[in-house]
């Protein structure tokens, strides 16, 4: 199965024990990009809080103080 046009993924991690740290989220995003390099946005959901990991210049960065409306981020995805 090829997902060449997959750009964003939301991952529910509430039940993980222990919960992932921002560094672990970044590492997981980088690992997932090995299998699907087109993904550039990862949203990790922990309880009711969302953390955005975005790929910039080939590196995964955790966006702690982002201005994104994560409920509508899916509508703002650029066309490919």
C-alpha atoms as a PDB file:
ATOM      1  CA  UNK A   1       0.000   0.000   0.000  1.00  0.00           C
ATOM      2  CA  UNK A   2       1.433   3.357  -1.028  1.00  0.00           C
ATOM      3  CA  UNK A   3       0.356   6.592   0.633  1.00  0.00           C
ATOM      4  CA  UNK A   4       2.244   9.078  -1.503  1.00  0.00           C
ATOM      5  CA  UNK A   5      -0.156  11.952  -0.851  1.00  0.00           C
ATOM      6  CA  UNK A   6      -0.567  11.534   2.893  1.00  0.00           C
ATOM      7  CA  UNK A   7       0.424  14.858   4.428  1.00  0.00           C
ATOM      8  CA  UNK A   8      -0.924  14.850   7.992  1.00  0.00           C
ATOM      9  CA  UNK A   9      -1.506  12.191  10.650  1.00  0.00           C
ATOM     10  CA  UNK A  10      -3.217  12.396  14.019  1.00  0.00           C
ATOM     11  CA  UNK A  11      -2.127   9.833  16.618  1.00  0.00           C
ATOM     12  CA  UNK A  12      -4.015   9.108  19.842  1.00  0.00           C
ATOM     13  CA  UNK A  13      -1.467   8.383  22.597  1.00  0.00           C
ATOM     14  CA  UNK A  14      -3.635   8.826  25.695  1.00  0.00           C
ATOM     15  CA  UNK A  15      -3.410   5.166  26.722  1.00  0.00           C
ATOM     16  CA  UNK A  16       0.378   4.963  26.428  1.00  0.00           C
ATOM     17  CA  UNK A  17       2.133   4.256  29.701  1.00  0.00           C
ATOM     18  CA  UNK A  18       4.266   6.220  30.238  1.00  0.00           C
ATOM     19  CA  UNK A  19       2.972   9.022  28.039  1.00  0.00           C
ATOM     20  CA  UNK A  20       5.430  10.098  25.343  1.00  0.00           C
ATOM     21  CA  UNK A  21       7.613  13.133  25.960  1.00  0.00           C
ATOM     22  CA  UNK A  22       7.970  15.802  23.259  1.00  0.00           C
ATOM     23  CA  UNK A  23      11.335  14.246  22.364  1.00  0.00           C
ATOM     24  CA  UNK A  24       9.704  10.822  21.997  1.00  0.00           C
ATOM     25  CA  UNK A  25       6.984  12.331  19.777  1.00  0.00           C
ATOM     26  CA  UNK A  26       9.661  13.879  17.586  1.00  0.00           C
ATOM     27  CA  UNK A  27      11.518  10.571  17.363  1.00  0.00           C
ATOM     28  CA  UNK A  28       8.331   8.670  16.517  1.00  0.00           C
ATOM     29  CA  UNK A  29       7.461  11.192  13.803  1.00  0.00           C
ATOM     30  CA  UNK A  30      10.932  10.807  12.286  1.00  0.00           C
ATOM     31  CA  UNK A  31      10.569   7.022  12.392  1.00  0.00           C
ATOM     32  CA  UNK A  32       7.155   7.113  10.714  1.00  0.00           C
ATOM     33  CA  UNK A  33       8.592   9.292   7.947  1.00  0.00           C
ATOM     34  CA  UNK A  34      10.884   6.416   6.998  1.00  0.00           C
ATOM     35  CA  UNK A  35       7.775   4.537   5.875  1.00  0.00           C
ATOM     36  CA  UNK A  36       5.773   7.489   4.541  1.00  0.00           C
ATOM     37  CA  UNK A  37       8.065  10.445   3.734  1.00  0.00           C
ATOM     38  CA  UNK A  38       5.226  12.598   2.427  1.00  0.00           C
ATOM     39  CA  UNK A  39       3.858  13.177   5.960  1.00  0.00           C
ATOM     40  CA  UNK A  40       4.843  16.620   7.214  1.00  0.00           C
ATOM     41  CA  UNK A  41       2.400  17.171  10.085  1.00  0.00           C
ATOM     42  CA  UNK A  42       1.889  14.913  13.075  1.00  0.00           C
ATOM     43  CA  UNK A  43      -0.660  15.702  15.755  1.00  0.00           C
ATOM     44  CA  UNK A  44      -0.275  13.716  18.967  1.00  0.00           C
ATOM     45  CA  UNK A  45      -3.396  13.664  21.144  1.00  0.00           C
ATOM     46  CA  UNK A  46      -2.831  13.105  24.869  1.00  0.00           C
ATOM     47  CA  UNK A  47      -6.073  13.395  26.849  1.00  0.00           C
ATOM     48  CA  UNK A  48      -7.455  16.714  25.580  1.00  0.00           C
ATOM     49  CA  UNK A  49      -4.134  18.291  24.681  1.00  0.00           C
ATOM     50  CA  UNK A  50      -2.674  18.195  21.207  1.00  0.00           C
ATOM     51  CA  UNK A  51       0.987  18.512  20.311  1.00  0.00           C
ATOM     52  CA  UNK A  52       2.047  19.346  16.788  1.00  0.00           C
ATOM     53  CA  UNK A  53       5.224  17.903  15.297  1.00  0.00           C
ATOM     54  CA  UNK A  54       6.044  19.530  11.979  1.00  0.00           C
ATOM     55  CA  UNK A  55       8.753  18.720   9.460  1.00  0.00           C
ATOM     56  CA  UNK A  56      10.898  21.745   8.626  1.00  0.00           C
ATOM     57  CA  UNK A  57      13.924  21.447   6.341  1.00  0.00           C
ATOM     58  CA  UNK A  58      13.840  17.674   6.755  1.00  0.00           C
ATOM     59  CA  UNK A  59      13.835  17.748  10.574  1.00  0.00           C
ATOM     60  CA  UNK A  60      10.936  17.036  12.900  1.00  0.00           C
ATOM     61  CA  UNK A  61      10.274  19.885  15.321  1.00  0.00           C
ATOM     62  CA  UNK A  62       7.820  20.036  18.191  1.00  0.00           C
ATOM     63  CA  UNK A  63       5.663  23.146  17.936  1.00  0.00           C
ATOM     64  CA  UNK A  64       4.925  24.019  21.564  1.00  0.00           C
ATOM     65  CA  UNK A  65       3.725  27.603  21.081  1.00  0.00           C
ATOM     66  CA  UNK A  66       2.033  27.264  17.733  1.00  0.00           C
ATOM     67  CA  UNK A  67      -0.708  29.490  16.384  1.00  0.00           C
ATOM     68  CA  UNK A  68      -2.482  26.660  14.608  1.00  0.00           C
ATOM     69  CA  UNK A  69      -6.112  25.853  15.115  1.00  0.00           C
ATOM     70  CA  UNK A  70      -5.578  22.103  15.295  1.00  0.00           C
ATOM     71  CA  UNK A  71      -9.277  21.404  14.777  1.00  0.00           C
ATOM     72  CA  UNK A  72      -9.159  22.976  11.318  1.00  0.00           C
ATOM     73  CA  UNK A  73      -5.553  22.237  10.348  1.00  0.00           C
ATOM     74  CA  UNK A  74      -6.800  19.540   7.982  1.00  0.00           C
ATOM     75  CA  UNK A  75      -8.552  22.169   5.869  1.00  0.00           C
ATOM     76  CA  UNK A  76      -5.356  24.214   5.501  1.00  0.00           C
ATOM     77  CA  UNK A  77      -3.262  21.460   3.947  1.00  0.00           C
ATOM     78  CA  UNK A  78      -1.647  22.715   0.742  1.00  0.00           C
ATOM     79  CA  UNK A  79      -2.610  20.891  -2.456  1.00  0.00           C
ATOM     80  CA  UNK A  80      -0.023  18.487  -3.827  1.00  0.00           C
END
